[in-house]
């Protein structure tokens, strides 16, 4: 019976999200029913916490990979690529400003004054 109960909890997907409070509640219930001794209940909770933490870590890794794969599928620019584009735009602005002659600037000023 004990092994059946343990296996049922171990295999459940929800085991990844069990909190210590919830596990203590389950342990107390199993001890009260006489299905586990206090020592077995303590080991049961510690074992489930380890498995729960491990399952949570694996789930986070899996989710990170899924998100990265989806983002790559959208063909979006990365932060580094955007920074590189900004740098190139700034270089082009500097190059354009350096090619402007003072005559061009004064002609523009005259055009503005005539208007």
PDB file of N, CA and C in Angstrom:
ATOM      1  N   UNK A   1       0.826  -1.204   0.000  1.00  0.00           N
ATOM      2  CA  UNK A   1       0.000   0.000   0.000  1.00  0.00           C
ATOM      3  C   UNK A   1       0.861   1.255   0.000  1.00  0.00           C
ATOM      4  N   UNK A   2       1.933   1.257   0.848  1.00  0.00           N
ATOM      5  CA  UNK A   2       2.811   2.420   0.916  1.00  0.00           C
ATOM      6  C   UNK A   2       3.466   2.683  -0.430  1.00  0.00           C
ATOM      7  N   UNK A   3       3.952   1.612  -1.032  1.00  0.00           N
ATOM      8  CA  UNK A   3       4.630   1.772  -2.314  1.00  0.00           C
ATOM      9  C   UNK A   3       3.670   2.261  -3.379  1.00  0.00           C
ATOM     10  N   UNK A   4       2.453   1.775  -3.337  1.00  0.00           N
ATOM     11  CA  UNK A   4       1.453   2.219  -4.299  1.00  0.00           C
ATOM     12  C   UNK A   4       1.183   3.711  -4.132  1.00  0.00           C
ATOM     13  N   UNK A   5       1.041   4.162  -2.900  1.00  0.00           N
ATOM     14  CA  UNK A   5       0.806   5.585  -2.645  1.00  0.00           C
ATOM     15  C   UNK A   5       1.990   6.423  -3.113  1.00  0.00           C
ATOM     16  N   UNK A   6       3.193   5.960  -2.784  1.00  0.00           N
ATOM     17  CA  UNK A   6       4.384   6.696  -3.210  1.00  0.00           C
ATOM     18  C   UNK A   6       4.463   6.785  -4.723  1.00  0.00           C
ATOM     19  N   UNK A   7       4.258   5.656  -5.371  1.00  0.00           N
ATOM     20  CA  UNK A   7       4.349   5.643  -6.831  1.00  0.00           C
ATOM     21  C   UNK A   7       3.302   6.543  -7.474  1.00  0.00           C
ATOM     22  N   UNK A   8       2.128   6.575  -6.878  1.00  0.00           N
ATOM     23  CA  UNK A   8       1.080   7.440  -7.424  1.00  0.00           C
ATOM     24  C   UNK A   8       1.515   8.904  -7.354  1.00  0.00           C
ATOM     25  N   UNK A   9       2.117   9.291  -6.259  1.00  0.00           N
ATOM     26  CA  UNK A   9       2.554  10.687  -6.124  1.00  0.00           C
ATOM     27  C   UNK A   9       3.789  10.978  -6.970  1.00  0.00           C
ATOM     28  N   UNK A  10       4.715  10.030  -7.035  1.00  0.00           N
ATOM     29  CA  UNK A  10       5.936  10.244  -7.814  1.00  0.00           C
ATOM     30  C   UNK A  10       5.634  10.431  -9.298  1.00  0.00           C
ATOM     31  N   UNK A  11       4.710   9.691  -9.795  1.00  0.00           N
ATOM     32  CA  UNK A  11       4.452   9.728 -11.232  1.00  0.00           C
ATOM     33  C   UNK A  11       3.557  10.883 -11.642  1.00  0.00           C
ATOM     34  N   UNK A  12       2.917  11.503 -10.700  1.00  0.00           N
ATOM     35  CA  UNK A  12       2.019  12.611 -11.036  1.00  0.00           C
ATOM     36  C   UNK A  12       2.784  13.820 -11.527  1.00  0.00           C
ATOM     37  N   UNK A  13       2.287  14.448 -12.550  1.00  0.00           N
ATOM     38  CA  UNK A  13       2.920  15.650 -13.077  1.00  0.00           C
ATOM     39  C   UNK A  13       2.887  16.755 -12.027  1.00  0.00           C
ATOM     40  N   UNK A  14       1.877  16.749 -11.221  1.00  0.00           N
ATOM     41  CA  UNK A  14       1.749  17.766 -10.193  1.00  0.00           C
ATOM     42  C   UNK A  14       2.824  17.695  -9.140  1.00  0.00           C
ATOM     43  N   UNK A  15       3.572  16.616  -9.091  1.00  0.00           N
ATOM     44  CA  UNK A  15       4.640  16.485  -8.109  1.00  0.00           C
ATOM     45  C   UNK A  15       5.661  17.603  -8.255  1.00  0.00           C
ATOM     46  N   UNK A  16       5.794  18.136  -9.450  1.00  0.00           N
ATOM     47  CA  UNK A  16       6.755  19.207  -9.684  1.00  0.00           C
ATOM     48  C   UNK A  16       6.344  20.491  -8.978  1.00  0.00           C
ATOM     49  N   UNK A  17       5.094  20.598  -8.614  1.00  0.00           N
ATOM     50  CA  UNK A  17       4.600  21.848  -8.053  1.00  0.00           C
ATOM     51  C   UNK A  17       4.133  21.715  -6.610  1.00  0.00           C
ATOM     52  N   UNK A  18       4.447  20.587  -5.977  1.00  0.00           N
ATOM     53  CA  UNK A  18       4.043  20.409  -4.598  1.00  0.00           C
ATOM     54  C   UNK A  18       4.920  21.256  -3.684  1.00  0.00           C
ATOM     55  N   UNK A  19       4.298  21.928  -2.768  1.00  0.00           N
ATOM     56  CA  UNK A  19       5.039  22.738  -1.810  1.00  0.00           C
ATOM     57  C   UNK A  19       5.293  21.912  -0.560  1.00  0.00           C
ATOM     58  N   UNK A  20       6.210  22.390   0.272  1.00  0.00           N
ATOM     59  CA  UNK A  20       6.513  21.685   1.517  1.00  0.00           C
ATOM     60  C   UNK A  20       5.261  21.613   2.394  1.00  0.00           C
ATOM     61  N   UNK A  21       4.488  22.682   2.434  1.00  0.00           N
ATOM     62  CA  UNK A  21       3.260  22.677   3.240  1.00  0.00           C
ATOM     63  C   UNK A  21       2.296  21.590   2.769  1.00  0.00           C
ATOM     64  N   UNK A  22       2.134  21.484   1.455  1.00  0.00           N
ATOM     65  CA  UNK A  22       1.216  20.477   0.919  1.00  0.00           C
ATOM     66  C   UNK A  22       1.744  19.072   1.210  1.00  0.00           C
ATOM     67  N   UNK A  23       3.058  18.887   1.066  1.00  0.00           N
ATOM     68  CA  UNK A  23       3.646  17.577   1.342  1.00  0.00           C
ATOM     69  C   UNK A  23       3.518  17.216   2.822  1.00  0.00           C
ATOM     70  N   UNK A  24       3.696  18.207   3.691  1.00  0.00           N
ATOM     71  CA  UNK A  24       3.519  17.948   5.126  1.00  0.00           C
ATOM     72  C   UNK A  24       2.076  17.562   5.434  1.00  0.00           C
ATOM     73  N   UNK A  25       1.157  18.193   4.720  1.00  0.00           N
ATOM     74  CA  UNK A  25      -0.264  17.868   4.897  1.00  0.00           C
ATOM     75  C   UNK A  25      -0.535  16.421   4.466  1.00  0.00           C
ATOM     76  N   UNK A  26       0.046  16.012   3.330  1.00  0.00           N
ATOM     77  CA  UNK A  26      -0.118  14.634   2.843  1.00  0.00           C
ATOM     78  C   UNK A  26       0.534  13.653   3.817  1.00  0.00           C
ATOM     79  N   UNK A  27       1.753  14.002   4.293  1.00  0.00           N
ATOM     80  CA  UNK A  27       2.459  13.135   5.247  1.00  0.00           C
ATOM     81  C   UNK A  27       1.635  12.941   6.511  1.00  0.00           C
ATOM     82  N   UNK A  28       1.111  14.034   7.049  1.00  0.00           N
ATOM     83  CA  UNK A  28       0.322  13.956   8.282  1.00  0.00           C
ATOM     84  C   UNK A  28      -0.899  13.053   8.069  1.00  0.00           C
ATOM     85  N   UNK A  29      -1.540  13.204   6.932  1.00  0.00           N
ATOM     86  CA  UNK A  29      -2.717  12.385   6.632  1.00  0.00           C
ATOM     87  C   UNK A  29      -2.340  10.901   6.562  1.00  0.00           C
ATOM     88  N   UNK A  30      -1.217  10.599   5.893  1.00  0.00           N
ATOM     89  CA  UNK A  30      -0.792   9.199   5.772  1.00  0.00           C
ATOM     90  C   UNK A  30      -0.383   8.618   7.128  1.00  0.00           C
ATOM     91  N   UNK A  31       0.272   9.433   7.953  1.00  0.00           N
ATOM     92  CA  UNK A  31       0.669   8.970   9.289  1.00  0.00           C
ATOM     93  C   UNK A  31      -0.574   8.767  10.153  1.00  0.00           C
ATOM     94  N   UNK A  32      -1.501   9.709  10.088  1.00  0.00           N
ATOM     95  CA  UNK A  32      -2.736   9.600  10.880  1.00  0.00           C
ATOM     96  C   UNK A  32      -3.543   8.347  10.508  1.00  0.00           C
ATOM     97  N   UNK A  33      -3.524   7.997   9.236  1.00  0.00           N
ATOM     98  CA  UNK A  33      -4.253   6.810   8.787  1.00  0.00           C
ATOM     99  C   UNK A  33      -3.509   5.512   9.113  1.00  0.00           C
ATOM    100  N   UNK A  34      -2.253   5.662   9.508  1.00  0.00           N
ATOM    101  CA  UNK A  34      -1.460   4.483   9.830  1.00  0.00           C
ATOM    102  C   UNK A  34      -0.796   3.861   8.620  1.00  0.00           C
ATOM    103  N   UNK A  35      -0.792   4.588   7.501  1.00  0.00           N
ATOM    104  CA  UNK A  35      -0.152   4.073   6.293  1.00  0.00           C
ATOM    105  C   UNK A  35       1.369   4.225   6.339  1.00  0.00           C
ATOM    106  N   UNK A  36       1.844   5.197   7.103  1.00  0.00           N
ATOM    107  CA  UNK A  36       3.279   5.435   7.247  1.00  0.00           C
ATOM    108  C   UNK A  36       3.590   5.717   8.715  1.00  0.00           C
ATOM    109  N   UNK A  37       4.822   5.354   9.132  1.00  0.00           N
ATOM    110  CA  UNK A  37       5.281   5.762  10.461  1.00  0.00           C
ATOM    111  C   UNK A  37       5.753   7.211  10.347  1.00  0.00           C
ATOM    112  N   UNK A  38       6.024   7.856  11.488  1.00  0.00           N
ATOM    113  CA  UNK A  38       6.503   9.238  11.440  1.00  0.00           C
ATOM    114  C   UNK A  38       7.819   9.340  10.681  1.00  0.00           C
ATOM    115  N   UNK A  39       8.720   8.376  10.939  1.00  0.00           N
ATOM    116  CA  UNK A  39      10.022   8.374  10.244  1.00  0.00           C
ATOM    117  C   UNK A  39       9.846   8.161   8.742  1.00  0.00           C
ATOM    118  N   UNK A  40       8.984   7.216   8.367  1.00  0.00           N
ATOM    119  CA  UNK A  40       8.724   6.983   6.937  1.00  0.00           C
ATOM    120  C   UNK A  40       8.096   8.218   6.297  1.00  0.00           C
ATOM    121  N   UNK A  41       7.227   8.877   7.050  1.00  0.00           N
ATOM    122  CA  UNK A  41       6.593  10.096   6.540  1.00  0.00           C
ATOM    123  C   UNK A  41       7.610  11.195   6.294  1.00  0.00           C
ATOM    124  N   UNK A  42       8.571  11.324   7.223  1.00  0.00           N
ATOM    125  CA  UNK A  42       9.610  12.345   7.064  1.00  0.00           C
ATOM    126  C   UNK A  42      10.462  12.058   5.828  1.00  0.00           C
ATOM    127  N   UNK A  43      10.880  10.794   5.676  1.00  0.00           N
ATOM    128  CA  UNK A  43      11.677  10.406   4.501  1.00  0.00           C
ATOM    129  C   UNK A  43      10.880  10.604   3.220  1.00  0.00           C
ATOM    130  N   UNK A  44       9.590  10.283   3.291  1.00  0.00           N
ATOM    131  CA  UNK A  44       8.697  10.432   2.143  1.00  0.00           C
ATOM    132  C   UNK A  44       8.648  11.893   1.685  1.00  0.00           C
ATOM    133  N   UNK A  45       8.493  12.800   2.635  1.00  0.00           N
ATOM    134  CA  UNK A  45       8.417  14.222   2.306  1.00  0.00           C
ATOM    135  C   UNK A  45       9.743  14.705   1.728  1.00  0.00           C
ATOM    136  N   UNK A  46      10.858  14.335   2.365  1.00  0.00           N
ATOM    137  CA  UNK A  46      12.167  14.778   1.865  1.00  0.00           C
ATOM    138  C   UNK A  46      12.430  14.253   0.461  1.00  0.00           C
ATOM    139  N   UNK A  47      12.075  13.004   0.219  1.00  0.00           N
ATOM    140  CA  UNK A  47      12.263  12.404  -1.104  1.00  0.00           C
ATOM    141  C   UNK A  47      11.404  13.120  -2.145  1.00  0.00           C
ATOM    142  N   UNK A  48      10.167  13.386  -1.789  1.00  0.00           N
ATOM    143  CA  UNK A  48       9.290  14.088  -2.734  1.00  0.00           C
ATOM    144  C   UNK A  48       9.751  15.520  -2.988  1.00  0.00           C
ATOM    145  N   UNK A  49      10.265  16.188  -1.965  1.00  0.00           N
ATOM    146  CA  UNK A  49      10.775  17.551  -2.167  1.00  0.00           C
ATOM    147  C   UNK A  49      11.946  17.553  -3.143  1.00  0.00           C
ATOM    148  N   UNK A  50      12.849  16.578  -2.983  1.00  0.00           N
ATOM    149  CA  UNK A  50      13.986  16.489  -3.908  1.00  0.00           C
ATOM    150  C   UNK A  50      13.492  16.247  -5.326  1.00  0.00           C
ATOM    151  N   UNK A  51      12.569  15.311  -5.473  1.00  0.00           N
ATOM    152  CA  UNK A  51      12.051  15.013  -6.811  1.00  0.00           C
ATOM    153  C   UNK A  51      11.267  16.192  -7.372  1.00  0.00           C
ATOM    154  N   UNK A  52      10.539  16.892  -6.515  1.00  0.00           N
ATOM    155  CA  UNK A  52       9.774  18.048  -6.949  1.00  0.00           C
ATOM    156  C   UNK A  52      10.707  19.158  -7.444  1.00  0.00           C
ATOM    157  N   UNK A  53      11.772  19.423  -6.689  1.00  0.00           N
ATOM    158  CA  UNK A  53      12.739  20.453  -7.096  1.00  0.00           C
ATOM    159  C   UNK A  53      13.427  20.074  -8.403  1.00  0.00           C
ATOM    160  N   UNK A  54      13.788  18.803  -8.523  1.00  0.00           N
ATOM    161  CA  UNK A  54      14.438  18.339  -9.747  1.00  0.00           C
ATOM    162  C   UNK A  54      13.490  18.467 -10.944  1.00  0.00           C
ATOM    163  N   UNK A  55      12.240  18.065 -10.747  1.00  0.00           N
ATOM    164  CA  UNK A  55      11.258  18.159 -11.840  1.00  0.00           C
ATOM    165  C   UNK A  55      11.026  19.612 -12.224  1.00  0.00           C
ATOM    166  N   UNK A  56      10.992  20.510 -11.227  1.00  0.00           N
ATOM    167  CA  UNK A  56      10.793  21.938 -11.501  1.00  0.00           C
ATOM    168  C   UNK A  56      11.974  22.490 -12.297  1.00  0.00           C
ATOM    169  N   UNK A  57      13.191  22.114 -11.906  1.00  0.00           N
ATOM    170  CA  UNK A  57      14.375  22.578 -12.633  1.00  0.00           C
ATOM    171  C   UNK A  57      14.352  22.093 -14.082  1.00  0.00           C
ATOM    172  N   UNK A  58      14.013  20.828 -14.270  1.00  0.00           N
ATOM    173  CA  UNK A  58      13.958  20.280 -15.626  1.00  0.00           C
ATOM    174  C   UNK A  58      12.875  20.961 -16.450  1.00  0.00           C
ATOM    175  N   UNK A  59      11.747  21.262 -15.815  1.00  0.00           N
ATOM    176  CA  UNK A  59      10.669  21.952 -16.514  1.00  0.00           C
ATOM    177  C   UNK A  59      11.106  23.348 -16.941  1.00  0.00           C
ATOM    178  N   UNK A  60      11.825  24.059 -16.068  1.00  0.00           N
ATOM    179  CA  UNK A  60      12.301  25.396 -16.414  1.00  0.00           C
ATOM    180  C   UNK A  60      13.279  25.348 -17.582  1.00  0.00           C
ATOM    181  N   UNK A  61      14.174  24.365 -17.582  1.00  0.00           N
ATOM    182  CA  UNK A  61      15.127  24.219 -18.686  1.00  0.00           C
ATOM    183  C   UNK A  61      14.373  23.947 -19.980  1.00  0.00           C
ATOM    184  N   UNK A  62      13.406  23.064 -19.917  1.00  0.00           N
ATOM    185  CA  UNK A  62      12.613  22.728 -21.101  1.00  0.00           C
ATOM    186  C   UNK A  62      11.861  23.963 -21.617  1.00  0.00           C
ATOM    187  N   UNK A  63      11.254  24.716 -20.683  1.00  0.00           N
ATOM    188  CA  UNK A  63      10.519  25.915 -21.088  1.00  0.00           C
ATOM    189  C   UNK A  63      11.448  26.950 -21.717  1.00  0.00           C
ATOM    190  N   UNK A  64      12.628  27.145 -21.137  1.00  0.00           N
ATOM    191  CA  UNK A  64      13.589  28.091 -21.713  1.00  0.00           C
ATOM    192  C   UNK A  64      13.934  27.703 -23.146  1.00  0.00           C
ATOM    193  N   UNK A  65      14.181  26.422 -23.362  1.00  0.00           N
ATOM    194  CA  UNK A  65      14.515  25.958 -24.719  1.00  0.00           C
ATOM    195  C   UNK A  65      13.346  26.170 -25.674  1.00  0.00           C
ATOM    196  N   UNK A  66      12.135  25.894 -25.200  1.00  0.00           N
ATOM    197  CA  UNK A  66      10.958  26.081 -26.049  1.00  0.00           C
ATOM    198  C   UNK A  66      10.799  27.549 -26.435  1.00  0.00           C
ATOM    199  N   UNK A  67      10.982  28.449 -25.469  1.00  0.00           N
ATOM    200  CA  UNK A  67      10.847  29.883 -25.746  1.00  0.00           C
ATOM    201  C   UNK A  67      11.929  30.326 -26.728  1.00  0.00           C
ATOM    202  N   UNK A  68      13.172  29.888 -26.509  1.00  0.00           N
ATOM    203  CA  UNK A  68      14.260  30.247 -27.422  1.00  0.00           C
ATOM    204  C   UNK A  68      13.974  29.751 -28.834  1.00  0.00           C
ATOM    205  N   UNK A  69      13.490  28.514 -28.957  1.00  0.00           N
ATOM    206  CA  UNK A  69      13.175  27.970 -30.278  1.00  0.00           C
ATOM    207  C   UNK A  69      12.070  28.772 -30.953  1.00  0.00           C
ATOM    208  N   UNK A  70      11.056  29.148 -30.198  1.00  0.00           N
ATOM    209  CA  UNK A  70       9.949  29.941 -30.768  1.00  0.00           C
ATOM    210  C   UNK A  70      10.442  31.307 -31.223  1.00  0.00           C
ATOM    211  N   UNK A  71      11.282  31.938 -30.414  1.00  0.00           N
ATOM    212  CA  UNK A  71      11.798  33.262 -30.769  1.00  0.00           C
ATOM    213  C   UNK A  71      12.644  33.169 -32.035  1.00  0.00           C
ATOM    214  N   UNK A  72      13.466  32.120 -32.135  1.00  0.00           N
ATOM    215  CA  UNK A  72      14.269  31.942 -33.351  1.00  0.00           C
ATOM    216  C   UNK A  72      13.364  31.771 -34.557  1.00  0.00           C
ATOM    217  N   UNK A  73      12.236  31.101 -34.367  1.00  0.00           N
ATOM    218  CA  UNK A  73      11.283  30.884 -35.457  1.00  0.00           C
ATOM    219  C   UNK A  73      10.671  32.176 -35.960  1.00  0.00           C
ATOM    220  N   UNK A  74      10.594  33.200 -35.117  1.00  0.00           N
ATOM    221  CA  UNK A  74      10.039  34.490 -35.528  1.00  0.00           C
ATOM    222  C   UNK A  74      11.056  35.320 -36.304  1.00  0.00           C
ATOM    223  N   UNK A  75      12.308  34.879 -36.305  1.00  0.00           N
ATOM    224  CA  UNK A  75      13.384  35.565 -37.008  1.00  0.00           C
ATOM    225  C   UNK A  75      13.517  37.017 -36.540  1.00  0.00           C
ATOM    226  N   UNK A  76      13.471  37.229 -35.231  1.00  0.00           N
ATOM    227  CA  UNK A  76      13.614  38.559 -34.646  1.00  0.00           C
ATOM    228  C   UNK A  76      15.082  38.879 -34.432  1.00  0.00           C
ATOM    229  N   UNK A  77      15.384  40.173 -34.447  1.00  0.00           N
ATOM    230  CA  UNK A  77      16.752  40.607 -34.193  1.00  0.00           C
ATOM    231  C   UNK A  77      17.075  40.440 -32.709  1.00  0.00           C
ATOM    232  N   UNK A  78      18.309  40.049 -32.454  1.00  0.00           N
ATOM    233  CA  UNK A  78      18.758  39.930 -31.069  1.00  0.00           C
ATOM    234  C   UNK A  78      19.179  41.309 -30.561  1.00  0.00           C
ATOM    235  N   UNK A  79      19.406  41.425 -29.273  1.00  0.00           N
ATOM    236  CA  UNK A  79      19.862  42.683 -28.681  1.00  0.00           C
ATOM    237  C   UNK A  79      21.194  43.110 -29.292  1.00  0.00           C
ATOM    238  N   UNK A  80      22.080  42.147 -29.513  1.00  0.00           N
ATOM    239  CA  UNK A  80      23.381  42.457 -30.110  1.00  0.00           C
ATOM    240  C   UNK A  80      23.223  42.956 -31.547  1.00  0.00           C
ATOM    241  N   UNK A  81      22.317  42.323 -32.284  1.00  0.00           N
ATOM    242  CA  UNK A  81      22.094  42.757 -33.668  1.00  0.00           C
ATOM    243  C   UNK A  81      21.517  44.171 -33.724  1.00  0.00           C
ATOM    244  N   UNK A  82      20.601  44.494 -32.824  1.00  0.00           N
ATOM    245  CA  UNK A  82      20.021  45.837 -32.765  1.00  0.00           C
ATOM    246  C   UNK A  82      21.107  46.854 -32.397  1.00  0.00           C
ATOM    247  N   UNK A  83      21.955  46.505 -31.449  1.00  0.00           N
ATOM    248  CA  UNK A  83      23.049  47.412 -31.054  1.00  0.00           C
ATOM    249  C   UNK A  83      23.985  47.656 -32.231  1.00  0.00           C
ATOM    250  N   UNK A  84      24.278  46.623 -32.999  1.00  0.00           N
ATOM    251  CA  UNK A  84      25.145  46.766 -34.171  1.00  0.00           C
ATOM    252  C   UNK A  84      24.485  47.673 -35.221  1.00  0.00           C
ATOM    253  N   UNK A  85      23.190  47.512 -35.426  1.00  0.00           N
ATOM    254  CA  UNK A  85      22.485  48.376 -36.380  1.00  0.00           C
ATOM    255  C   UNK A  85      22.499  49.839 -35.903  1.00  0.00           C
ATOM    256  N   UNK A  86      22.311  50.062 -34.620  1.00  0.00           N
ATOM    257  CA  UNK A  86      22.351  51.431 -34.085  1.00  0.00           C
ATOM    258  C   UNK A  86      23.726  52.063 -34.323  1.00  0.00           C
ATOM    259  N   UNK A  87      24.770  51.242 -34.089  1.00  0.00           N
ATOM    260  CA  UNK A  87      26.122  51.741 -34.287  1.00  0.00           C
ATOM    261  C   UNK A  87      26.336  52.135 -35.747  1.00  0.00           C
ATOM    262  N   UNK A  88      25.843  51.318 -36.677  1.00  0.00           N
ATOM    263  CA  UNK A  88      26.007  51.621 -38.104  1.00  0.00           C
ATOM    264  C   UNK A  88      25.226  52.878 -38.495  1.00  0.00           C
ATOM    265  N   UNK A  89      24.018  53.052 -37.949  1.00  0.00           N
ATOM    266  CA  UNK A  89      23.226  54.254 -38.246  1.00  0.00           C
ATOM    267  C   UNK A  89      23.961  55.497 -37.754  1.00  0.00           C
ATOM    268  N   UNK A  90      24.539  55.422 -36.563  1.00  0.00           N
ATOM    269  CA  UNK A  90      25.291  56.561 -36.032  1.00  0.00           C
ATOM    270  C   UNK A  90      26.491  56.879 -36.925  1.00  0.00           C
ATOM    271  N   UNK A  91      27.178  55.844 -37.400  1.00  0.00           N
ATOM    272  CA  UNK A  91      28.317  56.058 -38.299  1.00  0.00           C
ATOM    273  C   UNK A  91      27.853  56.729 -39.588  1.00  0.00           C
ATOM    274  N   UNK A  92      26.720  56.298 -40.124  1.00  0.00           N
ATOM    275  CA  UNK A  92      26.196  56.896 -41.351  1.00  0.00           C
ATOM    276  C   UNK A  92      25.797  58.357 -41.121  1.00  0.00           C
ATOM    277  N   UNK A  93      25.226  58.665 -39.972  1.00  0.00           N
ATOM    278  CA  UNK A  93      24.854  60.046 -39.663  1.00  0.00           C
ATOM    279  C   UNK A  93      26.089  60.931 -39.584  1.00  0.00           C
ATOM    280  N   UNK A  94      27.122  60.402 -38.975  1.00  0.00           N
ATOM    281  CA  UNK A  94      28.369  61.168 -38.880  1.00  0.00           C
ATOM    282  C   UNK A  94      28.941  61.386 -40.273  1.00  0.00           C
ATOM    283  N   UNK A  95      28.921  60.347 -41.103  1.00  0.00           N
ATOM    284  CA  UNK A  95      29.447  60.461 -42.465  1.00  0.00           C
ATOM    285  C   UNK A  95      28.637  61.464 -43.273  1.00  0.00           C
ATOM    286  N   UNK A  96      27.313  61.459 -43.137  1.00  0.00           N
ATOM    287  CA  UNK A  96      26.462  62.406 -43.870  1.00  0.00           C
ATOM    288  C   UNK A  96      26.702  63.836 -43.400  1.00  0.00           C
ATOM    289  N   UNK A  97      26.827  64.031 -42.118  1.00  0.00           N
ATOM    290  CA  UNK A  97      27.054  65.375 -41.574  1.00  0.00           C
ATOM    291  C   UNK A  97      28.407  65.922 -41.992  1.00  0.00           C
ATOM    292  N   UNK A  98      29.394  65.060 -42.123  1.00  0.00           N
ATOM    293  CA  UNK A  98      30.722  65.537 -42.521  1.00  0.00           C
ATOM    294  C   UNK A  98      30.766  65.903 -44.000  1.00  0.00           C
ATOM    295  N   UNK A  99      29.869  65.371 -44.825  1.00  0.00           N
ATOM    296  CA  UNK A  99      29.849  65.687 -46.260  1.00  0.00           C
ATOM    297  C   UNK A  99      29.088  66.970 -46.570  1.00  0.00           C
ATOM    298  N   UNK A 100      28.317  67.453 -45.631  1.00  0.00           N
ATOM    299  CA  UNK A 100      27.588  68.700 -45.849  1.00  0.00           C
ATOM    300  C   UNK A 100      28.597  69.832 -45.895  1.00  0.00           C
ATOM    301  N   UNK A 101      28.501  70.639 -46.929  1.00  0.00           N
ATOM    302  CA  UNK A 101      29.419  71.777 -47.043  1.00  0.00           C
ATOM    303  C   UNK A 101      28.778  72.997 -46.394  1.00  0.00           C
ATOM    304  N   UNK A 102      29.591  73.943 -46.020  1.00  0.00           N
ATOM    305  CA  UNK A 102      29.029  75.172 -45.436  1.00  0.00           C
ATOM    306  C   UNK A 102      28.133  75.901 -46.428  1.00  0.00           C
ATOM    307  N   UNK A 103      28.441  75.833 -47.788  1.00  0.00           N
ATOM    308  CA  UNK A 103      27.601  76.492 -48.794  1.00  0.00           C
ATOM    309  C   UNK A 103      26.194  75.900 -48.777  1.00  0.00           C
ATOM    310  N   UNK A 104      26.128  74.570 -48.662  1.00  0.00           N
ATOM    311  CA  UNK A 104      24.830  73.918 -48.629  1.00  0.00           C
ATOM    312  C   UNK A 104      24.023  74.411 -47.441  1.00  0.00           C
ATOM    313  N   UNK A 105      24.722  74.524 -46.301  1.00  0.00           N
ATOM    314  CA  UNK A 105      24.023  74.984 -45.103  1.00  0.00           C
ATOM    315  C   UNK A 105      23.548  76.423 -45.260  1.00  0.00           C
ATOM    316  N   UNK A 106      24.397  77.285 -45.898  1.00  0.00           N
ATOM    317  CA  UNK A 106      23.986  78.682 -46.056  1.00  0.00           C
ATOM    318  C   UNK A 106      22.863  78.794 -47.076  1.00  0.00           C
ATOM    319  N   UNK A 107      22.881  77.954 -48.140  1.00  0.00           N
ATOM    320  CA  UNK A 107      21.781  77.968 -49.119  1.00  0.00           C
ATOM    321  C   UNK A 107      20.478  77.560 -48.460  1.00  0.00           C
ATOM    322  N   UNK A 108      20.569  76.569 -47.598  1.00  0.00           N
ATOM    323  CA  UNK A 108      19.361  76.136 -46.887  1.00  0.00           C
ATOM    324  C   UNK A 108      18.840  77.263 -46.013  1.00  0.00           C
ATOM    325  N   UNK A 109      19.760  77.979 -45.395  1.00  0.00           N
ATOM    326  CA  UNK A 109      19.362  79.083 -44.535  1.00  0.00           C
ATOM    327  C   UNK A 109      18.683  80.175 -45.353  1.00  0.00           C
ATOM    328  N   UNK A 110      19.250  80.483 -46.555  1.00  0.00           N
ATOM    329  CA  UNK A 110      18.645  81.492 -47.417  1.00  0.00           C
ATOM    330  C   UNK A 110      17.266  81.062 -47.865  1.00  0.00           C
ATOM    331  N   UNK A 111      17.114  79.772 -48.225  1.00  0.00           N
ATOM    332  CA  UNK A 111      15.811  79.257 -48.648  1.00  0.00           C
ATOM    333  C   UNK A 111      14.781  79.415 -47.535  1.00  0.00           C
ATOM    334  N   UNK A 112      15.212  79.149 -46.331  1.00  0.00           N
ATOM    335  CA  UNK A 112      14.291  79.267 -45.192  1.00  0.00           C
ATOM    336  C   UNK A 112      13.915  80.729 -44.975  1.00  0.00           C
ATOM    337  N   UNK A 113      14.920  81.636 -45.119  1.00  0.00           N
ATOM    338  CA  UNK A 113      14.653  83.057 -44.905  1.00  0.00           C
ATOM    339  C   UNK A 113      13.733  83.619 -45.975  1.00  0.00           C
ATOM    340  N   UNK A 114      13.886  83.140 -47.242  1.00  0.00           N
ATOM    341  CA  UNK A 114      13.044  83.615 -48.339  1.00  0.00           C
ATOM    342  C   UNK A 114      11.593  83.167 -48.193  1.00  0.00           C
ATOM    343  N   UNK A 115      11.397  82.072 -47.550  1.00  0.00           N
ATOM    344  CA  UNK A 115      10.053  81.519 -47.452  1.00  0.00           C
ATOM    345  C   UNK A 115       9.206  82.266 -46.504  1.00  0.00           C
TER     346      UNK A 115
END
